[in-house]
């Protein structure tokens, strides 16, 4: 995250104002002079749980203790980024990149909080939908010209030419789109609503990425919508039990326009059992977000394991 922030600043790519700290006391001294809310982020990877939105000094101290003193995420919390809190709707834009050309995929929105109405702690993602209705053509144009293309060019200038999938976590503010984060991978659960909408063969696209000919390929998408509901183990993102038998998966196989993506599952004694916090991603697609949502929740109700948990409001804000 620190490398990302330096790159964005150097190439004038819109993002939140920030400071980087290796010392929790210095971070706290800086925070005391700022206006809340603020965002505190672990520099490294923390399974989607290393970001804290803090509304007062006590919460800031707790976040810094978790990351830098208790070292809950190990080396990831050795450095922290403290940045201004940006107001707006978040959107995830995944993009194919061959080092020179960058081609955005269709828009999606993740639901990071564990509870309905975006309450509770952050998770790796409790669901997603695509497309995002408020991601206008104007935003699309600005994201490509002001964020994606300058980032790829900046990486090339820095001698870090990047090939693969670039994940841009963005926020749509009154001033325009700004970068919250970048990942050098697909997003989870965003991929589960983006790739089912892809018409063009993925292998053809990836070969074009490898061979530097992404500019020659016409990537096409279905004119539909997809919704993914993540089914988790009760207690996640905190402590949860494993080894619960999952029932009803065979019923899902008979349903149309849906797919069950396995995450925290394993096969044991001829049964599928839970083995992680986020267990399954149930994705469905249809003509509209509303119909896709209905389909996804219908599928979720066909399966069961003890203490299973899922949010009931995935994609609701896109329908309102």
C-alpha atoms as a PDB file:
ATOM      1  CA  UNK A   1       0.000   0.000   0.000  1.00  0.00           C
ATOM      2  CA  UNK A   2       2.898   2.341   0.721  1.00  0.00           C
ATOM      3  CA  UNK A   3       4.424   1.689  -2.728  1.00  0.00           C
ATOM      4  CA  UNK A   4       0.992   2.275  -4.268  1.00  0.00           C
ATOM      5  CA  UNK A   5       0.547   5.613  -2.482  1.00  0.00           C
ATOM      6  CA  UNK A   6       4.018   6.821  -3.544  1.00  0.00           C
ATOM      7  CA  UNK A   7       3.279   5.888  -7.175  1.00  0.00           C
ATOM      8  CA  UNK A   8      -0.127   7.621  -7.163  1.00  0.00           C
ATOM      9  CA  UNK A   9       1.340  10.791  -5.675  1.00  0.00           C
ATOM     10  CA  UNK A  10       4.291  10.848  -8.098  1.00  0.00           C
ATOM     11  CA  UNK A  11       2.060  10.543 -11.176  1.00  0.00           C
ATOM     12  CA  UNK A  12      -0.773  12.814  -9.919  1.00  0.00           C
ATOM     13  CA  UNK A  13      -3.352  10.031  -9.816  1.00  0.00           C
ATOM     14  CA  UNK A  14      -6.329  11.031  -7.592  1.00  0.00           C
ATOM     15  CA  UNK A  15      -6.309   9.439  -4.117  1.00  0.00           C
ATOM     16  CA  UNK A  16      -6.804  10.400  -0.452  1.00  0.00           C
ATOM     17  CA  UNK A  17      -4.181  12.536   1.346  1.00  0.00           C
ATOM     18  CA  UNK A  18      -2.000  10.317   3.525  1.00  0.00           C
ATOM     19  CA  UNK A  19       1.053   9.819   5.763  1.00  0.00           C
ATOM     20  CA  UNK A  20       3.125   6.655   6.316  1.00  0.00           C
ATOM     21  CA  UNK A  21       4.391   5.548   9.746  1.00  0.00           C
ATOM     22  CA  UNK A  22       6.659   2.799  11.104  1.00  0.00           C
ATOM     23  CA  UNK A  23       6.094   3.896  14.703  1.00  0.00           C
ATOM     24  CA  UNK A  24       2.706   3.747  16.444  1.00  0.00           C
ATOM     25  CA  UNK A  25       3.407   6.712  18.767  1.00  0.00           C
ATOM     26  CA  UNK A  26       4.369   8.954  15.840  1.00  0.00           C
ATOM     27  CA  UNK A  27       1.227   7.828  14.023  1.00  0.00           C
ATOM     28  CA  UNK A  28      -0.852   8.689  17.099  1.00  0.00           C
ATOM     29  CA  UNK A  29       0.789  12.122  17.450  1.00  0.00           C
ATOM     30  CA  UNK A  30      -0.101  12.849  13.812  1.00  0.00           C
ATOM     31  CA  UNK A  31      -3.681  11.564  14.244  1.00  0.00           C
ATOM     32  CA  UNK A  32      -4.249  13.904  17.230  1.00  0.00           C
ATOM     33  CA  UNK A  33      -3.846  16.871  14.856  1.00  0.00           C
ATOM     34  CA  UNK A  34      -6.259  15.521  12.212  1.00  0.00           C
ATOM     35  CA  UNK A  35     -10.035  15.623  11.760  1.00  0.00           C
ATOM     36  CA  UNK A  36     -12.002  12.385  12.205  1.00  0.00           C
ATOM     37  CA  UNK A  37     -13.042  10.046  10.680  1.00  0.00           C
ATOM     38  CA  UNK A  38      -9.689   8.731   9.421  1.00  0.00           C
ATOM     39  CA  UNK A  39      -8.613   5.499   7.742  1.00  0.00           C
ATOM     40  CA  UNK A  40      -5.736   3.379   9.092  1.00  0.00           C
ATOM     41  CA  UNK A  41      -4.389   0.653   6.785  1.00  0.00           C
ATOM     42  CA  UNK A  42      -1.818  -2.096   7.169  1.00  0.00           C
ATOM     43  CA  UNK A  43       0.860  -1.754   4.494  1.00  0.00           C
ATOM     44  CA  UNK A  44       0.783  -5.455   3.542  1.00  0.00           C
ATOM     45  CA  UNK A  45      -1.778  -8.178   2.903  1.00  0.00           C
ATOM     46  CA  UNK A  46      -4.231  -8.892   5.743  1.00  0.00           C
ATOM     47  CA  UNK A  47      -6.969 -11.007   4.093  1.00  0.00           C
ATOM     48  CA  UNK A  48      -9.139  -7.923   3.598  1.00  0.00           C
ATOM     49  CA  UNK A  49      -9.170  -7.146   7.336  1.00  0.00           C
ATOM     50  CA  UNK A  50      -6.294  -4.674   7.635  1.00  0.00           C
ATOM     51  CA  UNK A  51      -8.319  -1.485   7.084  1.00  0.00           C
ATOM     52  CA  UNK A  52      -9.829   0.441  10.004  1.00  0.00           C
ATOM     53  CA  UNK A  53     -12.172   3.437   9.738  1.00  0.00           C
ATOM     54  CA  UNK A  54     -11.695   5.260  13.041  1.00  0.00           C
ATOM     55  CA  UNK A  55     -14.045   7.917  14.419  1.00  0.00           C
ATOM     56  CA  UNK A  56     -12.099   8.967  17.513  1.00  0.00           C
ATOM     57  CA  UNK A  57      -8.712   8.746  19.234  1.00  0.00           C
ATOM     58  CA  UNK A  58      -9.632   5.606  21.203  1.00  0.00           C
ATOM     59  CA  UNK A  59     -10.514   3.693  18.026  1.00  0.00           C
ATOM     60  CA  UNK A  60      -7.320   4.958  16.376  1.00  0.00           C
ATOM     61  CA  UNK A  61      -5.237   3.721  19.315  1.00  0.00           C
ATOM     62  CA  UNK A  62      -6.965   0.307  19.183  1.00  0.00           C
ATOM     63  CA  UNK A  63      -6.305  -0.009  15.433  1.00  0.00           C
ATOM     64  CA  UNK A  64      -2.628   0.918  15.817  1.00  0.00           C
ATOM     65  CA  UNK A  65      -2.249  -1.524  18.736  1.00  0.00           C
ATOM     66  CA  UNK A  66      -3.819  -4.320  16.672  1.00  0.00           C
ATOM     67  CA  UNK A  67      -1.534  -3.687  13.694  1.00  0.00           C
ATOM     68  CA  UNK A  68       1.753  -2.513  15.210  1.00  0.00           C
ATOM     69  CA  UNK A  69       1.922  -3.716  18.821  1.00  0.00           C
ATOM     70  CA  UNK A  70      -0.054  -6.988  18.847  1.00  0.00           C
ATOM     71  CA  UNK A  71       1.100  -7.589  15.242  1.00  0.00           C
ATOM     72  CA  UNK A  72      -2.177  -9.379  14.436  1.00  0.00           C
ATOM     73  CA  UNK A  73      -1.261  -9.437  10.738  1.00  0.00           C
ATOM     74  CA  UNK A  74       2.488  -9.966  11.248  1.00  0.00           C
ATOM     75  CA  UNK A  75       4.791  -8.113   8.852  1.00  0.00           C
ATOM     76  CA  UNK A  76       1.768  -6.566   7.068  1.00  0.00           C
ATOM     77  CA  UNK A  77       1.372  -4.123   9.983  1.00  0.00           C
ATOM     78  CA  UNK A  78       5.038  -3.116  10.249  1.00  0.00           C
ATOM     79  CA  UNK A  79       4.171   0.081   8.362  1.00  0.00           C
ATOM     80  CA  UNK A  80       0.780   1.776   8.383  1.00  0.00           C
ATOM     81  CA  UNK A  81      -0.869   4.312   6.115  1.00  0.00           C
ATOM     82  CA  UNK A  82      -3.046   6.959   7.797  1.00  0.00           C
ATOM     83  CA  UNK A  83      -5.289   8.748   5.314  1.00  0.00           C
ATOM     84  CA  UNK A  84      -8.280  11.058   5.040  1.00  0.00           C
ATOM     85  CA  UNK A  85     -11.726   9.456   4.901  1.00  0.00           C
ATOM     86  CA  UNK A  86     -13.375   9.954   1.507  1.00  0.00           C
ATOM     87  CA  UNK A  87     -17.158  10.260   1.096  1.00  0.00           C
ATOM     88  CA  UNK A  88     -18.896   8.501  -1.786  1.00  0.00           C
ATOM     89  CA  UNK A  89     -19.924   5.165  -3.247  1.00  0.00           C
ATOM     90  CA  UNK A  90     -17.261   2.509  -3.758  1.00  0.00           C
ATOM     91  CA  UNK A  91     -16.826   0.606  -6.994  1.00  0.00           C
ATOM     92  CA  UNK A  92     -14.408  -2.159  -8.020  1.00  0.00           C
ATOM     93  CA  UNK A  93     -12.940  -2.028 -11.513  1.00  0.00           C
ATOM     94  CA  UNK A  94     -10.961  -5.071 -12.598  1.00  0.00           C
ATOM     95  CA  UNK A  95      -8.887  -4.603 -15.747  1.00  0.00           C
ATOM     96  CA  UNK A  96      -6.830  -6.734 -18.118  1.00  0.00           C
ATOM     97  CA  UNK A  97      -3.354  -5.306 -18.669  1.00  0.00           C
ATOM     98  CA  UNK A  98      -0.493  -6.344 -20.983  1.00  0.00           C
ATOM     99  CA  UNK A  99       1.953  -3.728 -19.693  1.00  0.00           C
ATOM    100  CA  UNK A 100       0.957  -1.081 -22.245  1.00  0.00           C
ATOM    101  CA  UNK A 101      -2.762  -1.461 -22.953  1.00  0.00           C
ATOM    102  CA  UNK A 102      -5.321  -1.590 -20.135  1.00  0.00           C
ATOM    103  CA  UNK A 103      -8.891  -2.774 -20.757  1.00  0.00           C
ATOM    104  CA  UNK A 104     -11.414  -2.364 -17.904  1.00  0.00           C
ATOM    105  CA  UNK A 105     -13.943  -5.120 -17.213  1.00  0.00           C
ATOM    106  CA  UNK A 106     -17.572  -4.410 -16.287  1.00  0.00           C
ATOM    107  CA  UNK A 107     -18.126  -2.583 -12.978  1.00  0.00           C
ATOM    108  CA  UNK A 108     -18.963  -4.308  -9.693  1.00  0.00           C
ATOM    109  CA  UNK A 109     -19.529  -3.380  -6.051  1.00  0.00           C
ATOM    110  CA  UNK A 110     -18.390  -5.414  -3.057  1.00  0.00           C
ATOM    111  CA  UNK A 111     -20.103  -5.534   0.378  1.00  0.00           C
ATOM    112  CA  UNK A 112     -17.247  -5.507   2.891  1.00  0.00           C
ATOM    113  CA  UNK A 113     -19.037  -5.301   6.254  1.00  0.00           C
ATOM    114  CA  UNK A 114     -20.229  -8.468   7.995  1.00  0.00           C
ATOM    115  CA  UNK A 115     -23.737  -7.261   8.894  1.00  0.00           C
ATOM    116  CA  UNK A 116     -26.676  -5.885   6.898  1.00  0.00           C
ATOM    117  CA  UNK A 117     -26.755  -2.108   6.197  1.00  0.00           C
ATOM    118  CA  UNK A 118     -22.926  -2.092   6.166  1.00  0.00           C
ATOM    119  CA  UNK A 119     -22.550  -2.559   9.917  1.00  0.00           C
ATOM    120  CA  UNK A 120     -19.843  -4.360  11.915  1.00  0.00           C
ATOM    121  CA  UNK A 121     -16.207  -5.172  11.109  1.00  0.00           C
ATOM    122  CA  UNK A 122     -14.702  -5.541   7.640  1.00  0.00           C
ATOM    123  CA  UNK A 123     -14.479  -8.957   5.982  1.00  0.00           C
ATOM    124  CA  UNK A 124     -12.910 -10.253   2.786  1.00  0.00           C
ATOM    125  CA  UNK A 125     -16.304  -9.476   1.178  1.00  0.00           C
ATOM    126  CA  UNK A 126     -19.841 -10.727   1.892  1.00  0.00           C
ATOM    127  CA  UNK A 127     -21.253 -10.381  -1.612  1.00  0.00           C
ATOM    128  CA  UNK A 128     -21.152  -8.365  -4.812  1.00  0.00           C
ATOM    129  CA  UNK A 129     -23.179  -7.326  -7.822  1.00  0.00           C
ATOM    130  CA  UNK A 130     -22.537  -6.158 -11.382  1.00  0.00           C
ATOM    131  CA  UNK A 131     -23.083  -3.739 -13.101  1.00  0.00           C
ATOM    132  CA  UNK A 132     -23.064  -0.724 -10.754  1.00  0.00           C
ATOM    133  CA  UNK A 133     -25.962   1.595 -11.796  1.00  0.00           C
ATOM    134  CA  UNK A 134     -24.327   4.817 -10.561  1.00  0.00           C
ATOM    135  CA  UNK A 135     -21.058   4.107 -12.444  1.00  0.00           C
ATOM    136  CA  UNK A 136     -21.872   6.464 -15.321  1.00  0.00           C
ATOM    137  CA  UNK A 137     -20.183   6.726 -18.734  1.00  0.00           C
ATOM    138  CA  UNK A 138     -18.499   9.910 -17.509  1.00  0.00           C
ATOM    139  CA  UNK A 139     -16.999   8.089 -14.500  1.00  0.00           C
ATOM    140  CA  UNK A 140     -15.964   5.227 -16.813  1.00  0.00           C
ATOM    141  CA  UNK A 141     -14.089   7.635 -19.111  1.00  0.00           C
ATOM    142  CA  UNK A 142     -12.403   9.444 -16.206  1.00  0.00           C
ATOM    143  CA  UNK A 143     -11.345   6.186 -14.515  1.00  0.00           C
ATOM    144  CA  UNK A 144      -9.641   5.024 -17.718  1.00  0.00           C
ATOM    145  CA  UNK A 145      -7.964   8.358 -18.517  1.00  0.00           C
ATOM    146  CA  UNK A 146      -7.156   9.671 -15.009  1.00  0.00           C
ATOM    147  CA  UNK A 147      -6.487   6.433 -13.109  1.00  0.00           C
ATOM    148  CA  UNK A 148      -5.932   3.188 -15.049  1.00  0.00           C
ATOM    149  CA  UNK A 149      -3.851   4.427 -17.996  1.00  0.00           C
ATOM    150  CA  UNK A 150      -1.574   6.716 -15.892  1.00  0.00           C
ATOM    151  CA  UNK A 151      -1.043   3.886 -13.345  1.00  0.00           C
ATOM    152  CA  UNK A 152       0.026   1.381 -16.011  1.00  0.00           C
ATOM    153  CA  UNK A 153       2.249   4.015 -17.661  1.00  0.00           C
ATOM    154  CA  UNK A 154       3.732   4.956 -14.269  1.00  0.00           C
ATOM    155  CA  UNK A 155       4.572   1.321 -13.501  1.00  0.00           C
ATOM    156  CA  UNK A 156       6.279   1.019 -16.896  1.00  0.00           C
ATOM    157  CA  UNK A 157       8.345   4.182 -16.294  1.00  0.00           C
ATOM    158  CA  UNK A 158       9.350   2.809 -12.864  1.00  0.00           C
ATOM    159  CA  UNK A 159      10.647  -0.359 -14.578  1.00  0.00           C
ATOM    160  CA  UNK A 160       7.798  -2.456 -13.177  1.00  0.00           C
ATOM    161  CA  UNK A 161       5.835  -3.215 -16.352  1.00  0.00           C
ATOM    162  CA  UNK A 162       2.762  -5.102 -15.172  1.00  0.00           C
ATOM    163  CA  UNK A 163       0.987  -7.897 -17.011  1.00  0.00           C
ATOM    164  CA  UNK A 164      -2.130  -9.576 -15.696  1.00  0.00           C
ATOM    165  CA  UNK A 165      -5.233  -8.396 -13.907  1.00  0.00           C
ATOM    166  CA  UNK A 166      -5.241  -5.060 -12.114  1.00  0.00           C
ATOM    167  CA  UNK A 167      -7.888  -4.508  -9.439  1.00  0.00           C
ATOM    168  CA  UNK A 168      -8.754  -0.869  -8.757  1.00  0.00           C
ATOM    169  CA  UNK A 169     -10.754  -0.220  -5.585  1.00  0.00           C
ATOM    170  CA  UNK A 170     -12.248   3.217  -6.257  1.00  0.00           C
ATOM    171  CA  UNK A 171     -14.538   5.729  -4.592  1.00  0.00           C
ATOM    172  CA  UNK A 172     -16.784   8.036  -6.608  1.00  0.00           C
ATOM    173  CA  UNK A 173     -16.545  11.408  -4.848  1.00  0.00           C
ATOM    174  CA  UNK A 174     -18.031  14.810  -5.721  1.00  0.00           C
ATOM    175  CA  UNK A 175     -14.644  15.771  -7.206  1.00  0.00           C
ATOM    176  CA  UNK A 176     -14.530  12.598  -9.299  1.00  0.00           C
ATOM    177  CA  UNK A 177     -13.184   9.037  -8.968  1.00  0.00           C
ATOM    178  CA  UNK A 178     -10.297   8.453  -6.534  1.00  0.00           C
ATOM    179  CA  UNK A 179      -8.168   5.394  -5.746  1.00  0.00           C
ATOM    180  CA  UNK A 180      -8.705   3.606  -2.433  1.00  0.00           C
ATOM    181  CA  UNK A 181      -6.422   0.672  -3.264  1.00  0.00           C
ATOM    182  CA  UNK A 182      -4.876  -1.417  -6.017  1.00  0.00           C
ATOM    183  CA  UNK A 183      -4.401  -5.174  -6.033  1.00  0.00           C
ATOM    184  CA  UNK A 184      -2.376  -7.226  -8.510  1.00  0.00           C
ATOM    185  CA  UNK A 185      -5.062  -9.903  -8.838  1.00  0.00           C
ATOM    186  CA  UNK A 186      -8.742 -10.563  -9.435  1.00  0.00           C
ATOM    187  CA  UNK A 187     -11.109  -9.490  -6.607  1.00  0.00           C
ATOM    188  CA  UNK A 188     -13.083 -11.850  -4.374  1.00  0.00           C
ATOM    189  CA  UNK A 189     -16.148 -11.792  -4.541  1.00  0.00           C
ATOM    190  CA  UNK A 190     -16.164  -9.312  -7.467  1.00  0.00           C
ATOM    191  CA  UNK A 191     -14.774 -11.884  -9.920  1.00  0.00           C
ATOM    192  CA  UNK A 192     -17.771 -14.129  -9.199  1.00  0.00           C
ATOM    193  CA  UNK A 193     -20.111 -11.485 -10.687  1.00  0.00           C
ATOM    194  CA  UNK A 194     -17.793 -10.147 -13.410  1.00  0.00           C
ATOM    195  CA  UNK A 195     -16.535 -13.281 -15.194  1.00  0.00           C
ATOM    196  CA  UNK A 196     -19.968 -14.950 -15.597  1.00  0.00           C
ATOM    197  CA  UNK A 197     -20.882 -11.889 -17.718  1.00  0.00           C
ATOM    198  CA  UNK A 198     -17.864 -12.311 -20.036  1.00  0.00           C
ATOM    199  CA  UNK A 199     -18.749 -13.359 -23.612  1.00  0.00           C
ATOM    200  CA  UNK A 200     -15.210 -13.512 -25.034  1.00  0.00           C
ATOM    201  CA  UNK A 201     -13.154 -16.612 -24.170  1.00  0.00           C
ATOM    202  CA  UNK A 202     -10.995 -15.800 -21.126  1.00  0.00           C
ATOM    203  CA  UNK A 203      -8.082 -17.890 -22.473  1.00  0.00           C
ATOM    204  CA  UNK A 204      -8.010 -15.787 -25.666  1.00  0.00           C
ATOM    205  CA  UNK A 205      -7.799 -12.619 -23.546  1.00  0.00           C
ATOM    206  CA  UNK A 206      -5.031 -13.998 -21.302  1.00  0.00           C
ATOM    207  CA  UNK A 207      -3.014 -15.128 -24.340  1.00  0.00           C
ATOM    208  CA  UNK A 208      -3.357 -11.587 -25.737  1.00  0.00           C
ATOM    209  CA  UNK A 209      -2.061 -10.248 -22.387  1.00  0.00           C
ATOM    210  CA  UNK A 210       0.970 -12.577 -22.560  1.00  0.00           C
ATOM    211  CA  UNK A 211       1.710 -11.685 -26.199  1.00  0.00           C
ATOM    212  CA  UNK A 212       1.325  -7.859 -25.840  1.00  0.00           C
ATOM    213  CA  UNK A 213      -1.636  -7.720 -28.239  1.00  0.00           C
ATOM    214  CA  UNK A 214      -4.470  -6.733 -25.914  1.00  0.00           C
ATOM    215  CA  UNK A 215      -5.123  -3.708 -28.168  1.00  0.00           C
ATOM    216  CA  UNK A 216      -6.092  -6.090 -31.000  1.00  0.00           C
ATOM    217  CA  UNK A 217      -8.771  -8.044 -29.132  1.00  0.00           C
ATOM    218  CA  UNK A 218     -12.420  -6.979 -28.894  1.00  0.00           C
ATOM    219  CA  UNK A 219     -13.657  -8.017 -25.439  1.00  0.00           C
ATOM    220  CA  UNK A 220     -17.418  -8.486 -25.306  1.00  0.00           C
ATOM    221  CA  UNK A 221     -19.799  -8.715 -22.350  1.00  0.00           C
ATOM    222  CA  UNK A 222     -23.336 -10.003 -21.807  1.00  0.00           C
ATOM    223  CA  UNK A 223     -25.942  -7.268 -21.381  1.00  0.00           C
ATOM    224  CA  UNK A 224     -27.186  -8.747 -18.103  1.00  0.00           C
ATOM    225  CA  UNK A 225     -26.633  -8.524 -14.333  1.00  0.00           C
ATOM    226  CA  UNK A 226     -25.110 -10.834 -11.717  1.00  0.00           C
ATOM    227  CA  UNK A 227     -25.354 -11.057  -7.923  1.00  0.00           C
ATOM    228  CA  UNK A 228     -23.148 -13.095  -5.563  1.00  0.00           C
ATOM    229  CA  UNK A 229     -24.146 -13.867  -1.964  1.00  0.00           C
ATOM    230  CA  UNK A 230     -21.309 -15.132   0.241  1.00  0.00           C
ATOM    231  CA  UNK A 231     -22.327 -17.813   2.731  1.00  0.00           C
ATOM    232  CA  UNK A 232     -20.035 -17.746   5.776  1.00  0.00           C
ATOM    233  CA  UNK A 233     -19.390 -19.696   8.965  1.00  0.00           C
ATOM    234  CA  UNK A 234     -21.123 -18.186  12.024  1.00  0.00           C
ATOM    235  CA  UNK A 235     -18.619 -16.082  13.978  1.00  0.00           C
ATOM    236  CA  UNK A 236     -16.628 -14.956  10.920  1.00  0.00           C
ATOM    237  CA  UNK A 237     -14.608 -12.660  10.641  1.00  0.00           C
ATOM    238  CA  UNK A 238     -13.798 -13.613  14.257  1.00  0.00           C
ATOM    239  CA  UNK A 239     -13.557 -17.176  15.571  1.00  0.00           C
ATOM    240  CA  UNK A 240     -15.658 -19.807  13.821  1.00  0.00           C
ATOM    241  CA  UNK A 241     -15.977 -23.581  13.762  1.00  0.00           C
ATOM    242  CA  UNK A 242     -14.947 -25.800  10.853  1.00  0.00           C
ATOM    243  CA  UNK A 243     -16.020 -29.270   9.758  1.00  0.00           C
ATOM    244  CA  UNK A 244     -19.768 -28.621   9.380  1.00  0.00           C
ATOM    245  CA  UNK A 245     -21.448 -30.832   6.748  1.00  0.00           C
ATOM    246  CA  UNK A 246     -22.933 -28.826   3.849  1.00  0.00           C
ATOM    247  CA  UNK A 247     -26.315 -30.143   2.669  1.00  0.00           C
ATOM    248  CA  UNK A 248     -28.270 -29.357  -0.501  1.00  0.00           C
ATOM    249  CA  UNK A 249     -25.429 -28.708  -2.960  1.00  0.00           C
ATOM    250  CA  UNK A 250     -26.902 -31.305  -5.344  1.00  0.00           C
ATOM    251  CA  UNK A 251     -30.097 -29.205  -5.549  1.00  0.00           C
ATOM    252  CA  UNK A 252     -28.072 -26.203  -6.695  1.00  0.00           C
ATOM    253  CA  UNK A 253     -26.679 -28.185  -9.632  1.00  0.00           C
ATOM    254  CA  UNK A 254     -30.187 -28.447 -11.105  1.00  0.00           C
ATOM    255  CA  UNK A 255     -30.841 -24.699 -10.948  1.00  0.00           C
ATOM    256  CA  UNK A 256     -30.418 -22.522 -14.055  1.00  0.00           C
ATOM    257  CA  UNK A 257     -28.337 -19.362 -14.427  1.00  0.00           C
ATOM    258  CA  UNK A 258     -26.384 -19.887 -11.219  1.00  0.00           C
ATOM    259  CA  UNK A 259     -23.133 -21.320  -9.960  1.00  0.00           C
ATOM    260  CA  UNK A 260     -21.831 -22.160  -6.476  1.00  0.00           C
ATOM    261  CA  UNK A 261     -18.203 -21.065  -6.112  1.00  0.00           C
ATOM    262  CA  UNK A 262     -16.431 -23.057  -3.395  1.00  0.00           C
ATOM    263  CA  UNK A 263     -14.094 -21.193  -1.022  1.00  0.00           C
ATOM    264  CA  UNK A 264     -13.784 -22.514   2.559  1.00  0.00           C
ATOM    265  CA  UNK A 265     -14.855 -26.086   1.748  1.00  0.00           C
ATOM    266  CA  UNK A 266     -13.210 -29.486   1.572  1.00  0.00           C
ATOM    267  CA  UNK A 267     -14.199 -33.019   0.609  1.00  0.00           C
ATOM    268  CA  UNK A 268     -14.080 -35.547   3.441  1.00  0.00           C
ATOM    269  CA  UNK A 269     -15.664 -39.030   3.752  1.00  0.00           C
ATOM    270  CA  UNK A 270     -17.842 -38.473   0.658  1.00  0.00           C
ATOM    271  CA  UNK A 271     -19.187 -35.232   2.107  1.00  0.00           C
ATOM    272  CA  UNK A 272     -18.460 -31.549   1.497  1.00  0.00           C
ATOM    273  CA  UNK A 273     -17.634 -29.836   4.794  1.00  0.00           C
ATOM    274  CA  UNK A 274     -16.766 -26.279   5.844  1.00  0.00           C
ATOM    275  CA  UNK A 275     -13.076 -25.422   6.209  1.00  0.00           C
ATOM    276  CA  UNK A 276     -12.968 -21.610   6.324  1.00  0.00           C
ATOM    277  CA  UNK A 277     -14.719 -18.356   7.190  1.00  0.00           C
ATOM    278  CA  UNK A 278     -16.179 -17.608   3.791  1.00  0.00           C
ATOM    279  CA  UNK A 279     -17.560 -20.955   2.688  1.00  0.00           C
ATOM    280  CA  UNK A 280     -19.386 -20.486  -0.636  1.00  0.00           C
ATOM    281  CA  UNK A 281     -20.152 -17.730  -3.115  1.00  0.00           C
ATOM    282  CA  UNK A 282     -23.595 -18.282  -4.618  1.00  0.00           C
ATOM    283  CA  UNK A 283     -23.780 -16.370  -7.915  1.00  0.00           C
ATOM    284  CA  UNK A 284     -26.821 -15.975 -10.156  1.00  0.00           C
ATOM    285  CA  UNK A 285     -27.427 -13.928 -13.300  1.00  0.00           C
ATOM    286  CA  UNK A 286     -30.503 -12.597 -15.089  1.00  0.00           C
ATOM    287  CA  UNK A 287     -31.757  -9.614 -17.143  1.00  0.00           C
ATOM    288  CA  UNK A 288     -31.747  -7.234 -14.155  1.00  0.00           C
ATOM    289  CA  UNK A 289     -30.014  -6.934 -10.777  1.00  0.00           C
ATOM    290  CA  UNK A 290     -33.381  -7.414  -9.066  1.00  0.00           C
ATOM    291  CA  UNK A 291     -34.046 -10.736 -10.833  1.00  0.00           C
ATOM    292  CA  UNK A 292     -30.444 -11.920 -10.320  1.00  0.00           C
ATOM    293  CA  UNK A 293     -30.689 -11.102  -6.596  1.00  0.00           C
ATOM    294  CA  UNK A 294     -33.931 -13.095  -6.321  1.00  0.00           C
ATOM    295  CA  UNK A 295     -32.296 -16.057  -8.068  1.00  0.00           C
ATOM    296  CA  UNK A 296     -29.185 -15.948  -5.844  1.00  0.00           C
ATOM    297  CA  UNK A 297     -31.157 -15.866  -2.573  1.00  0.00           C
ATOM    298  CA  UNK A 298     -33.454 -18.643  -3.801  1.00  0.00           C
ATOM    299  CA  UNK A 299     -30.343 -20.795  -4.329  1.00  0.00           C
ATOM    300  CA  UNK A 300     -28.924 -19.888  -0.895  1.00  0.00           C
ATOM    301  CA  UNK A 301     -32.143 -21.147   0.725  1.00  0.00           C
ATOM    302  CA  UNK A 302     -31.711 -24.545  -0.997  1.00  0.00           C
ATOM    303  CA  UNK A 303     -28.539 -25.320   0.968  1.00  0.00           C
ATOM    304  CA  UNK A 304     -27.680 -25.530   4.653  1.00  0.00           C
ATOM    305  CA  UNK A 305     -24.929 -26.129   7.185  1.00  0.00           C
ATOM    306  CA  UNK A 306     -25.006 -25.609  10.936  1.00  0.00           C
ATOM    307  CA  UNK A 307     -24.434 -21.997  12.021  1.00  0.00           C
ATOM    308  CA  UNK A 308     -24.343 -20.678   8.432  1.00  0.00           C
ATOM    309  CA  UNK A 309     -24.567 -16.912   8.005  1.00  0.00           C
ATOM    310  CA  UNK A 310     -25.155 -14.549   5.066  1.00  0.00           C
ATOM    311  CA  UNK A 311     -26.197 -10.951   4.540  1.00  0.00           C
ATOM    312  CA  UNK A 312     -29.810 -10.416   3.451  1.00  0.00           C
ATOM    313  CA  UNK A 313     -29.239  -7.088   1.663  1.00  0.00           C
ATOM    314  CA  UNK A 314     -26.706  -7.818  -1.081  1.00  0.00           C
ATOM    315  CA  UNK A 315     -27.322  -5.552  -4.136  1.00  0.00           C
ATOM    316  CA  UNK A 316     -30.219  -3.785  -2.389  1.00  0.00           C
ATOM    317  CA  UNK A 317     -28.710  -0.315  -2.873  1.00  0.00           C
ATOM    318  CA  UNK A 318     -28.502  -0.967  -6.638  1.00  0.00           C
ATOM    319  CA  UNK A 319     -32.234  -1.702  -6.764  1.00  0.00           C
ATOM    320  CA  UNK A 320     -33.288   1.306  -4.664  1.00  0.00           C
END
